[in-house]
N, C-alpha and C. Protein backbone atom coordinates (compact mmCIF):
# COMPACT_ATOMS: atom_id res chain seq x y z
N MET A 1 2.66 -4.43 -16.09
CA MET A 1 4.04 -4.01 -15.93
C MET A 1 4.36 -2.84 -16.86
N ASP A 2 3.73 -2.80 -18.02
CA ASP A 2 3.99 -1.71 -18.97
C ASP A 2 3.59 -0.36 -18.39
N ARG A 3 2.49 -0.31 -17.65
CA ARG A 3 2.06 0.95 -17.04
C ARG A 3 3.06 1.43 -15.99
N ILE A 4 3.62 0.50 -15.25
CA ILE A 4 4.60 0.86 -14.24
C ILE A 4 5.87 1.38 -14.90
N LYS A 5 6.31 0.74 -15.96
CA LYS A 5 7.49 1.20 -16.69
C LYS A 5 7.27 2.61 -17.24
N LYS A 6 6.09 2.84 -17.82
CA LYS A 6 5.78 4.16 -18.35
C LYS A 6 5.76 5.21 -17.25
N ALA A 7 5.16 4.87 -16.12
CA ALA A 7 5.12 5.79 -14.99
C ALA A 7 6.53 6.14 -14.51
N CYS A 8 7.41 5.17 -14.48
CA CYS A 8 8.79 5.40 -14.05
C CYS A 8 9.54 6.32 -15.02
N ARG A 9 9.21 6.24 -16.29
CA ARG A 9 9.83 7.12 -17.27
C ARG A 9 9.32 8.55 -17.14
N LEU A 10 8.05 8.72 -16.84
CA LEU A 10 7.42 10.03 -16.86
C LEU A 10 7.39 10.77 -15.53
N ALA A 11 7.36 10.04 -14.43
CA ALA A 11 7.19 10.67 -13.12
C ALA A 11 8.50 10.79 -12.37
N GLN A 12 8.56 11.76 -11.47
CA GLN A 12 9.74 11.90 -10.62
C GLN A 12 9.79 10.79 -9.57
N GLN A 13 8.62 10.35 -9.13
CA GLN A 13 8.54 9.35 -8.08
C GLN A 13 7.36 8.42 -8.35
N VAL A 14 7.58 7.12 -8.22
CA VAL A 14 6.52 6.14 -8.44
C VAL A 14 6.42 5.24 -7.21
N LYS A 15 5.20 5.10 -6.71
CA LYS A 15 4.94 4.21 -5.57
C LYS A 15 3.86 3.23 -5.98
N ILE A 16 4.10 1.97 -5.69
CA ILE A 16 3.16 0.90 -6.00
C ILE A 16 2.66 0.34 -4.68
N TYR A 17 1.34 0.34 -4.51
CA TYR A 17 0.73 -0.16 -3.29
C TYR A 17 0.06 -1.50 -3.58
N CYS A 18 0.50 -2.55 -2.92
CA CYS A 18 -0.05 -3.89 -3.10
C CYS A 18 -0.94 -4.19 -1.89
N PHE A 19 -2.20 -4.57 -2.16
CA PHE A 19 -3.09 -4.77 -1.02
C PHE A 19 -4.15 -5.83 -1.22
N ASN A 20 -4.05 -6.65 -2.23
CA ASN A 20 -5.07 -7.69 -2.38
C ASN A 20 -4.53 -9.05 -1.93
N SER A 21 -5.37 -10.05 -1.99
CA SER A 21 -5.00 -11.36 -1.47
C SER A 21 -3.88 -12.03 -2.26
N LYS A 22 -3.64 -11.61 -3.47
CA LYS A 22 -2.61 -12.21 -4.33
C LYS A 22 -1.34 -11.37 -4.40
N ALA A 23 -1.20 -10.38 -3.52
CA ALA A 23 -0.06 -9.47 -3.57
C ALA A 23 1.27 -10.20 -3.41
N GLY A 24 1.32 -11.19 -2.53
CA GLY A 24 2.56 -11.93 -2.33
C GLY A 24 3.00 -12.70 -3.56
N VAL A 25 2.05 -13.31 -4.23
CA VAL A 25 2.34 -14.04 -5.47
C VAL A 25 2.80 -13.08 -6.55
N TRP A 26 2.10 -11.95 -6.68
CA TRP A 26 2.46 -10.93 -7.68
C TRP A 26 3.88 -10.44 -7.43
N TRP A 27 4.21 -10.16 -6.17
CA TRP A 27 5.54 -9.67 -5.83
C TRP A 27 6.61 -10.68 -6.22
N GLN A 28 6.41 -11.95 -5.94
CA GLN A 28 7.39 -12.97 -6.29
C GLN A 28 7.59 -13.07 -7.80
N GLN A 29 6.53 -12.89 -8.56
CA GLN A 29 6.62 -12.98 -10.02
C GLN A 29 7.27 -11.75 -10.64
N GLU A 30 7.03 -10.58 -10.07
CA GLU A 30 7.48 -9.33 -10.68
C GLU A 30 8.70 -8.71 -10.02
N ARG A 31 9.16 -9.27 -8.96
CA ARG A 31 10.24 -8.68 -8.17
C ARG A 31 11.47 -8.33 -8.99
N SER A 32 11.95 -9.26 -9.76
CA SER A 32 13.18 -9.02 -10.53
C SER A 32 13.01 -7.89 -11.54
N LYS A 33 11.83 -7.79 -12.12
CA LYS A 33 11.56 -6.70 -13.08
C LYS A 33 11.49 -5.36 -12.36
N LEU A 34 10.84 -5.33 -11.21
CA LEU A 34 10.67 -4.09 -10.46
C LEU A 34 11.98 -3.58 -9.88
N GLU A 35 12.89 -4.48 -9.55
CA GLU A 35 14.17 -4.06 -8.99
C GLU A 35 15.00 -3.27 -9.98
N ARG A 36 14.73 -3.41 -11.26
CA ARG A 36 15.45 -2.66 -12.29
C ARG A 36 14.89 -1.25 -12.48
N LEU A 37 13.69 -1.00 -11.96
CA LEU A 37 13.03 0.29 -12.11
C LEU A 37 13.23 1.13 -10.84
N GLU A 38 13.07 2.42 -10.98
CA GLU A 38 13.13 3.29 -9.81
C GLU A 38 11.72 3.50 -9.30
N ALA A 39 11.28 2.57 -8.49
CA ALA A 39 9.94 2.64 -7.93
C ALA A 39 9.99 2.13 -6.50
N CYS A 40 9.04 2.56 -5.72
CA CYS A 40 8.90 2.09 -4.35
C CYS A 40 7.68 1.18 -4.32
N CYS A 41 7.81 0.01 -3.74
CA CYS A 41 6.71 -0.95 -3.67
C CYS A 41 6.39 -1.23 -2.21
N ILE A 42 5.12 -1.02 -1.84
CA ILE A 42 4.67 -1.14 -0.46
C ILE A 42 3.51 -2.14 -0.42
N GLN A 43 3.58 -3.07 0.53
CA GLN A 43 2.53 -4.10 0.64
C GLN A 43 1.78 -3.94 1.96
N PHE A 44 0.44 -3.98 1.85
CA PHE A 44 -0.45 -3.98 3.01
C PHE A 44 -1.04 -5.37 3.16
N PRO A 45 -1.12 -5.88 4.39
CA PRO A 45 -1.75 -7.20 4.60
C PRO A 45 -3.23 -7.16 4.20
N TYR A 46 -3.64 -8.13 3.43
CA TYR A 46 -5.02 -8.19 2.90
C TYR A 46 -6.05 -8.20 4.02
N GLU A 47 -5.79 -8.93 5.08
CA GLU A 47 -6.74 -9.03 6.19
C GLU A 47 -6.98 -7.66 6.82
N GLN A 48 -5.93 -6.86 6.94
CA GLN A 48 -6.06 -5.53 7.52
C GLN A 48 -6.81 -4.59 6.58
N ILE A 49 -6.60 -4.74 5.29
CA ILE A 49 -7.35 -3.94 4.31
C ILE A 49 -8.83 -4.29 4.39
N GLN A 50 -9.14 -5.56 4.53
CA GLN A 50 -10.54 -5.97 4.67
C GLN A 50 -11.15 -5.36 5.93
N ALA A 51 -10.42 -5.35 7.03
CA ALA A 51 -10.93 -4.76 8.27
C ALA A 51 -11.19 -3.27 8.09
N ALA A 52 -10.29 -2.57 7.40
CA ALA A 52 -10.49 -1.13 7.15
C ALA A 52 -11.68 -0.90 6.23
N SER A 53 -11.90 -1.79 5.28
CA SER A 53 -13.03 -1.61 4.36
C SER A 53 -14.37 -1.74 5.07
N GLN A 54 -14.40 -2.45 6.18
CA GLN A 54 -15.64 -2.58 6.95
C GLN A 54 -16.02 -1.28 7.63
N LEU A 55 -15.09 -0.35 7.75
CA LEU A 55 -15.34 0.94 8.39
C LEU A 55 -15.87 1.98 7.41
N VAL A 56 -15.92 1.65 6.15
CA VAL A 56 -16.35 2.61 5.13
C VAL A 56 -17.87 2.75 5.14
N SER A 57 -18.31 4.00 5.12
CA SER A 57 -19.73 4.28 5.00
C SER A 57 -19.92 5.52 4.13
N ARG A 58 -21.15 5.79 3.79
CA ARG A 58 -21.43 6.89 2.86
C ARG A 58 -20.92 8.24 3.36
N SER A 59 -21.21 8.56 4.58
CA SER A 59 -20.66 9.80 5.16
C SER A 59 -19.89 9.39 6.41
N MET A 60 -18.61 9.64 6.38
CA MET A 60 -17.76 9.15 7.46
C MET A 60 -16.65 10.14 7.75
N LYS A 61 -16.14 10.06 8.94
CA LYS A 61 -14.95 10.79 9.34
C LYS A 61 -13.98 9.77 9.93
N TRP A 62 -12.80 9.74 9.37
CA TRP A 62 -11.76 8.86 9.88
C TRP A 62 -10.72 9.72 10.59
N TYR A 63 -10.23 9.22 11.69
CA TYR A 63 -9.14 9.84 12.41
C TYR A 63 -7.97 8.88 12.32
N ILE A 64 -6.90 9.34 11.67
CA ILE A 64 -5.77 8.45 11.36
C ILE A 64 -4.51 8.96 12.04
N THR A 65 -3.83 8.07 12.73
CA THR A 65 -2.56 8.38 13.36
C THR A 65 -1.49 7.53 12.67
N LEU A 66 -0.45 8.19 12.14
CA LEU A 66 0.64 7.49 11.47
C LEU A 66 1.86 7.44 12.37
N SER A 67 2.50 6.29 12.40
CA SER A 67 3.72 6.10 13.17
C SER A 67 4.55 5.02 12.50
N ASP A 68 5.75 5.38 12.07
CA ASP A 68 6.63 4.45 11.36
C ASP A 68 5.87 3.79 10.20
N ASN A 69 5.75 2.48 10.22
CA ASN A 69 5.05 1.75 9.16
C ASN A 69 3.69 1.27 9.63
N GLN A 70 2.99 2.12 10.36
CA GLN A 70 1.71 1.72 10.92
C GLN A 70 0.74 2.90 10.91
N ALA A 71 -0.52 2.60 10.63
CA ALA A 71 -1.60 3.60 10.70
C ALA A 71 -2.68 3.07 11.62
N SER A 72 -3.12 3.92 12.51
CA SER A 72 -4.22 3.58 13.40
C SER A 72 -5.44 4.38 12.93
N ILE A 73 -6.50 3.68 12.58
CA ILE A 73 -7.70 4.31 12.02
C ILE A 73 -8.84 4.17 13.02
N HIS A 74 -9.46 5.30 13.33
CA HIS A 74 -10.60 5.32 14.26
C HIS A 74 -11.74 6.08 13.61
N CYS A 75 -12.96 5.59 13.81
CA CYS A 75 -14.16 6.27 13.33
C CYS A 75 -15.35 5.81 14.15
N ASP A 76 -16.53 6.33 13.84
CA ASP A 76 -17.74 5.95 14.59
C ASP A 76 -18.05 4.46 14.45
N GLN A 77 -17.68 3.84 13.34
CA GLN A 77 -17.98 2.44 13.09
C GLN A 77 -17.02 1.49 13.80
N GLY A 78 -15.89 2.01 14.31
CA GLY A 78 -14.92 1.16 14.98
C GLY A 78 -13.50 1.64 14.76
N ALA A 79 -12.55 0.73 14.88
CA ALA A 79 -11.14 1.07 14.72
C ALA A 79 -10.39 -0.12 14.15
N CYS A 80 -9.27 0.16 13.52
CA CYS A 80 -8.40 -0.91 13.02
C CYS A 80 -6.98 -0.38 12.87
N GLU A 81 -6.07 -1.28 12.69
CA GLU A 81 -4.65 -0.95 12.49
C GLU A 81 -4.22 -1.44 11.11
N LEU A 82 -3.41 -0.65 10.45
CA LEU A 82 -2.80 -1.05 9.18
C LEU A 82 -1.28 -0.98 9.34
N GLN A 83 -0.62 -2.06 9.06
CA GLN A 83 0.84 -2.08 9.07
C GLN A 83 1.30 -2.45 7.67
N TRP A 84 2.27 -1.72 7.17
CA TRP A 84 2.73 -2.01 5.82
C TRP A 84 4.21 -2.35 5.83
N GLN A 85 4.60 -3.01 4.77
CA GLN A 85 5.99 -3.43 4.60
C GLN A 85 6.51 -2.85 3.30
N VAL A 86 7.65 -2.20 3.37
CA VAL A 86 8.29 -1.67 2.17
C VAL A 86 9.05 -2.82 1.53
N LEU A 87 8.61 -3.21 0.35
CA LEU A 87 9.24 -4.33 -0.37
C LEU A 87 10.43 -3.88 -1.20
N LEU A 88 10.35 -2.65 -1.69
CA LEU A 88 11.38 -2.15 -2.59
C LEU A 88 11.45 -0.63 -2.49
N GLY A 89 12.64 -0.09 -2.46
CA GLY A 89 12.79 1.36 -2.45
C GLY A 89 12.64 1.92 -1.05
N ALA A 90 12.71 3.23 -0.99
CA ALA A 90 12.58 3.94 0.28
C ALA A 90 11.26 4.70 0.30
N ALA A 91 10.41 4.37 1.22
CA ALA A 91 9.11 5.05 1.35
C ALA A 91 9.27 6.20 2.31
N THR A 92 9.53 7.38 1.80
CA THR A 92 9.76 8.54 2.65
C THR A 92 8.50 9.34 2.89
N GLN A 93 7.51 9.19 2.04
CA GLN A 93 6.26 9.94 2.21
C GLN A 93 5.09 9.04 2.00
């Protein structure tokens, strides 16, 4: 939490991306503290992150289409969808 506080003091914009299996628990524990800071918090479903990680290879080309809160990823190894949820703040970029 100290790193996030420092980032909020120093940066014009802070975005926190939550994407592991414990992200929901972390959010519940830290929510009240984060609401006092000017930061944007975005959560990706862990299962979808795991599916995207299966597409990673040493030399790869990904083709990504963004729409609202969703990314469609296509490559030679396959395809997957990532949908994210804005937990806090406005995710404009």
